[in-house]
Protein backbone atom coordinates (compact mmCIF):
# COMPACT_ATOMS: atom_id res chain seq x y z
CA MET A 1 75.57 -28.74 82.47
CA ASP A 2 78.87 -26.86 84.12
CA LEU A 3 77.43 -25.44 87.38
CA GLN A 4 80.65 -23.14 87.54
CA LEU A 5 81.37 -24.56 90.72
CA GLN A 6 85.08 -25.08 90.90
CA ASN A 7 87.06 -24.78 93.56
CA LYS A 8 84.36 -22.87 95.41
CA VAL A 9 84.43 -23.20 99.31
CA ILE A 10 80.60 -24.17 100.21
CA ILE A 11 80.14 -24.90 103.93
CA VAL A 12 76.99 -27.45 104.46
CA THR A 13 75.76 -27.85 108.35
CA GLY A 14 75.01 -31.30 109.07
CA GLY A 15 76.68 -32.47 106.24
CA ALA A 16 78.15 -36.06 107.48
CA LYS A 17 74.53 -37.78 107.08
CA GLY A 18 71.30 -37.68 105.02
CA ILE A 19 70.75 -34.84 103.27
CA GLY A 20 73.34 -32.91 104.23
CA GLU A 21 75.82 -35.19 102.58
CA GLY A 22 74.08 -35.96 99.80
CA ILE A 23 74.49 -32.28 99.05
CA VAL A 24 78.29 -32.74 100.22
CA GLN A 25 78.91 -35.26 97.49
CA VAL A 26 77.13 -33.36 94.66
CA LEU A 27 79.22 -30.52 95.49
CA ALA A 28 82.58 -32.39 95.36
CA GLY A 29 81.44 -33.74 92.35
CA GLU A 30 81.02 -30.55 90.48
CA GLY A 31 84.38 -29.82 91.65
CA ALA A 32 83.53 -27.48 94.64
CA ILE A 33 85.30 -27.70 97.72
CA PRO A 34 82.53 -28.97 100.38
CA VAL A 35 83.16 -27.93 104.26
CA ILE A 36 81.17 -29.96 106.74
CA VAL A 37 80.32 -28.53 110.14
CA GLY A 38 78.52 -30.82 112.04
CA ARG A 39 79.23 -32.03 115.87
CA ASN A 40 80.57 -35.57 115.26
CA ALA A 41 84.12 -35.31 113.95
CA VAL A 42 84.35 -39.07 113.14
CA ASP A 43 81.28 -39.03 111.03
CA ASN A 44 82.68 -35.62 109.20
CA GLN A 45 85.81 -37.25 108.91
CA LYS A 46 84.14 -40.54 107.16
CA VAL A 47 83.16 -38.24 104.49
CA VAL A 48 86.07 -36.59 103.69
CA ASP A 49 87.79 -39.57 103.57
CA ASP A 50 85.17 -40.72 101.06
CA LEU A 51 85.54 -37.74 98.76
CA ALA A 52 89.37 -38.32 99.16
CA GLY A 53 89.27 -41.41 97.97
CA LYS A 54 87.32 -40.63 94.72
CA GLY A 55 90.04 -37.68 94.24
CA PHE A 56 87.81 -34.63 95.53
CA LYS A 57 88.95 -32.17 98.01
CA SER A 58 87.09 -31.59 101.40
CA PHE A 59 87.20 -30.28 104.92
CA GLN A 60 85.74 -30.86 108.04
CA VAL A 61 85.07 -28.61 111.25
CA GLU A 62 83.44 -30.22 114.40
CA ALA A 63 80.80 -27.84 116.04
CA GLU A 64 77.93 -28.55 118.42
CA LEU A 65 75.38 -25.67 116.61
CA THR A 66 72.91 -25.72 119.39
CA GLN A 67 75.96 -23.96 121.15
CA PRO A 68 75.70 -19.85 120.23
CA GLU A 69 79.41 -19.72 120.09
CA ALA A 70 79.86 -22.67 118.01
CA SER A 71 79.05 -21.24 114.93
CA GLU A 72 81.57 -17.92 115.09
CA LYS A 73 84.14 -20.74 115.89
CA ALA A 74 82.93 -22.97 112.59
CA VAL A 75 83.16 -19.69 110.42
CA ASN A 76 86.66 -18.62 111.43
CA ALA A 77 87.98 -22.25 111.00
CA VAL A 78 86.90 -22.32 107.73
CA LEU A 79 88.21 -18.97 106.97
CA LYS A 80 91.87 -20.21 108.49
CA GLU A 81 91.78 -22.73 106.14
CA PHE A 82 90.89 -21.40 103.01
CA GLY A 83 90.82 -17.52 103.47
CA ARG A 84 86.90 -17.36 101.62
CA ILE A 85 83.57 -18.39 101.57
CA ASP A 86 81.47 -18.77 98.53
CA GLY A 87 78.68 -20.21 99.76
CA LEU A 88 76.36 -21.66 102.77
CA VAL A 89 73.94 -24.33 103.01
CA ASN A 90 71.81 -24.44 106.54
CA ASN A 91 70.71 -27.69 106.79
CA ALA A 92 71.72 -29.06 110.46
CA GLY A 93 68.92 -29.97 112.61
CA ALA A 94 66.14 -32.57 113.33
CA ASN A 95 62.77 -33.32 114.10
CA ASP A 96 62.68 -33.87 117.53
CA GLY A 97 59.18 -33.86 118.46
CA VAL A 98 58.82 -30.86 121.05
CA GLY A 99 54.43 -30.65 121.09
CA LEU A 100 52.52 -28.41 122.18
CA GLU A 101 51.68 -30.83 124.84
CA SER A 102 54.33 -33.02 125.57
CA GLY A 103 56.94 -30.18 125.58
CA ASP A 104 58.13 -27.53 128.21
CA TYR A 105 60.52 -24.06 127.85
CA GLU A 106 63.37 -25.68 127.68
CA ARG A 107 62.71 -28.01 125.28
CA PHE A 108 61.17 -25.89 122.79
CA MET A 109 64.11 -23.26 123.22
CA HIS A 110 66.55 -26.07 122.95
CA SER A 111 65.10 -27.18 119.31
CA LEU A 112 64.96 -23.79 117.79
CA HIS A 113 68.59 -23.63 118.93
CA LYS A 114 69.00 -26.96 117.19
CA ASN A 115 66.96 -25.96 114.31
CA MET A 116 67.00 -22.35 113.51
CA VAL A 117 69.09 -19.97 115.54
CA HIS A 118 72.41 -21.34 114.44
CA TYR A 119 71.10 -20.85 110.53
CA TYR A 120 70.79 -17.23 111.72
CA LEU A 121 74.38 -17.33 113.71
CA MET A 122 76.25 -18.78 110.72
CA VAL A 123 74.92 -16.38 108.00
CA HIS A 124 76.02 -13.48 110.74
CA TYR A 125 79.26 -14.95 110.88
CA ALA A 126 80.00 -15.95 107.39
CA LEU A 127 78.54 -12.43 106.27
CA PRO A 128 81.55 -10.64 105.44
CA ALA A 129 83.60 -13.28 103.65
CA LEU A 130 80.15 -13.86 101.53
CA LYS A 131 79.92 -10.05 100.44
CA GLU A 132 83.59 -10.19 99.24
CA SER A 133 82.65 -13.38 96.99
CA LYS A 134 79.03 -12.47 96.30
CA GLY A 135 78.25 -15.85 97.39
CA ALA A 136 74.78 -17.79 97.90
CA ILE A 137 73.28 -19.13 100.62
CA VAL A 138 70.64 -22.11 100.52
CA ASN A 139 68.38 -22.93 103.48
CA ILE A 140 66.85 -26.33 103.83
CA SER A 141 63.70 -26.44 105.35
CA SER A 142 60.53 -28.39 105.93
CA LYS A 143 56.79 -28.77 104.70
CA THR A 144 56.19 -28.46 108.37
CA ALA A 145 55.75 -24.76 108.82
CA ASP A 146 52.93 -25.06 105.71
CA THR A 147 51.04 -28.11 106.53
CA GLY A 148 51.56 -28.38 110.56
CA GLN A 149 52.28 -32.08 111.46
CA GLY A 150 50.92 -32.58 114.93
CA GLY A 151 52.88 -33.23 118.02
CA THR A 152 56.20 -31.04 116.86
CA SER A 153 55.11 -27.29 117.42
CA ALA A 154 59.04 -26.30 117.89
CA TYR A 155 60.41 -27.89 114.47
CA ALA A 156 57.24 -26.08 112.74
CA ALA A 157 58.13 -23.16 114.47
CA ALA A 158 62.01 -23.11 113.23
CA ASN A 159 61.12 -23.97 109.84
CA GLY A 160 58.64 -21.45 109.57
CA GLY A 161 61.50 -18.85 110.65
CA ARG A 162 64.04 -20.48 108.26
CA ASN A 163 61.37 -19.64 105.50
CA ALA A 164 61.06 -15.88 106.78
CA LEU A 165 64.60 -15.44 107.21
CA THR A 166 65.20 -16.44 103.88
CA ARG A 167 62.79 -13.95 102.52
CA GLU A 168 64.15 -11.33 104.97
CA TRP A 169 67.93 -12.36 103.79
CA ALA A 170 67.31 -12.00 100.12
CA VAL A 171 66.00 -8.54 100.76
CA GLU A 172 68.56 -7.65 103.12
CA LEU A 173 71.47 -8.67 100.89
CA LEU A 174 70.52 -7.42 97.45
CA LYS A 175 72.56 -4.64 98.10
CA TYR A 176 75.59 -7.05 98.53
CA GLY A 177 74.93 -9.38 94.99
CA ILE A 178 74.30 -12.27 97.77
CA ARG A 179 71.08 -14.42 96.49
CA VAL A 180 69.25 -16.73 99.36
CA ASN A 181 66.83 -19.38 98.76
CA SER A 182 65.30 -22.05 100.13
CA VAL A 183 64.60 -25.89 99.58
CA ILE A 184 61.40 -27.26 101.19
CA VAL A 185 61.65 -30.65 102.09
CA ALA A 186 58.87 -33.07 102.58
CA GLU A 187 58.91 -36.74 102.50
CA CYS A 188 62.54 -37.52 101.79
CA TRP A 189 64.27 -41.15 102.58
CA THR A 190 67.28 -40.82 104.84
CA PRO A 191 68.73 -42.69 107.98
CA LEU A 192 66.66 -40.28 110.19
CA TYR A 193 63.42 -41.09 108.69
CA GLU A 194 64.10 -44.65 108.56
CA ARG A 195 65.02 -44.26 112.24
CA TRP A 196 61.63 -42.33 113.00
CA ILE A 197 59.39 -44.47 110.84
CA ASN A 198 60.73 -47.38 112.60
CA THR A 199 59.55 -46.14 116.27
CA LEU A 200 56.03 -45.98 114.97
CA PRO A 201 53.42 -49.19 115.69
CA ASN A 202 53.02 -50.53 112.32
CA PRO A 203 56.06 -48.88 110.03
CA LYS A 204 55.62 -50.60 106.54
CA GLU A 205 51.83 -50.04 106.60
CA THR A 206 52.66 -46.34 107.98
CA LEU A 207 55.67 -46.05 105.04
CA GLU A 208 53.22 -47.43 102.39
CA SER A 209 50.08 -44.86 103.24
CA ILE A 210 52.56 -41.85 103.11
CA VAL A 211 54.59 -43.16 99.76
CA GLU A 212 50.83 -43.25 97.90
CA LYS A 213 49.93 -39.78 99.10
CA ILE A 214 52.85 -38.64 97.23
CA PRO A 215 51.44 -37.24 94.09
CA PHE A 216 54.45 -37.64 91.51
CA GLU A 217 55.43 -41.15 90.49
CA ASN A 218 53.99 -42.15 94.40
CA ARG A 219 57.61 -42.70 95.85
CA MET A 220 59.75 -40.98 98.37
CA THR A 221 62.19 -38.20 97.10
CA THR A 222 65.76 -38.85 97.41
CA ALA A 223 68.41 -36.87 99.03
CA GLU A 224 69.80 -36.41 95.54
CA GLU A 225 67.34 -34.98 94.41
CA ILE A 226 67.61 -32.61 97.17
CA ALA A 227 70.93 -31.90 96.73
CA ASN A 228 71.01 -31.54 92.83
CA MET A 229 68.50 -28.54 93.36
CA THR A 230 70.74 -27.29 96.25
CA VAL A 231 73.84 -26.83 94.33
CA PHE A 232 72.25 -25.39 91.03
CA LEU A 233 70.60 -22.60 93.95
CA LEU A 234 74.25 -22.02 94.80
CA SER A 235 75.53 -22.04 91.21
CA GLN A 236 75.53 -19.39 88.91
CA ARG A 237 73.64 -20.95 86.63
CA SER A 238 70.50 -19.80 88.74
CA SER A 239 71.96 -16.36 88.87
CA HIS A 240 68.74 -14.62 88.87
CA THR A 241 66.51 -16.46 91.72
CA THR A 242 66.61 -15.45 95.22
CA GLY A 243 63.99 -15.15 97.81
CA GLN A 244 62.49 -18.37 97.04
CA LEU A 245 60.81 -21.04 98.61
CA ILE A 246 61.36 -24.23 96.27
CA TYR A 247 59.38 -27.49 96.86
CA VAL A 248 61.18 -30.64 96.05
CA ASP A 249 58.52 -33.00 96.85
CA GLY A 250 57.38 -34.62 94.41
CA GLY A 251 53.71 -32.26 94.71
CA TYR A 252 53.10 -33.53 98.09
CA VAL A 253 52.44 -30.07 99.48
CA HIS A 254 50.66 -28.42 96.85
CA LEU A 255 48.83 -30.81 94.28
CA ASP A 256 45.63 -32.19 94.93
CA ARG A 257 45.77 -35.52 96.95
CA ALA A 258 43.19 -36.87 94.77
CA LEU A 259 45.86 -37.07 92.15
CA ALA A 260 47.88 -39.44 94.11
CA ASN A 261 46.21 -42.75 93.05
CA SER A 262 44.85 -41.68 89.46
């Protein structure tokens, strides 16, 4: 299916690794021009160079998005290079384990900046360009807002905020023809997930116990599967879809766990 994204300029925050890189790769394959916004210019450029080797155009902007001023600078850099923005994927962030007992005010607020505040700021500064293009916004979110996880109050709160902002922006931006949706991730295999699982006392056994609870095919979601849904939502092929929280999770959040081993 042609997603009609040829030469569309799409910002992807945290686009150098994991789910973000998966989104960037799929966008490039669809003929879009993905723009990676991330804190590490070397990592960003590796992806840009990889895509160039495949004949694809992309761009990167170094930005530490926990710093409020970085979002405006990143958006301005994209506009200076291309003069337009056709879509935005808010993806950057990480489960940093700031819990109720283990955290404090400073760590909690830092986590909110890392995982939610820049979602707002990126959209705020990109909005004039998105109004012109009638672009689309996709917020990447996590099942922790629905299920809880334990020991991660800040990340759960940030994802609850991401989901609420998705619905709020979908309402506020109706008059501009801008669609806003969220893709909810549960158990997706990425380098960050692998690093986390290896910090646990019995990583192999723990991973097996998680995978067997994923109802559909008893396997982890792939970054490409998250990317495919995200890119579809950015495209005009999803032209009447807005304000939706879409779970790409093999049924992990909503299906009866008794089904997992049936």
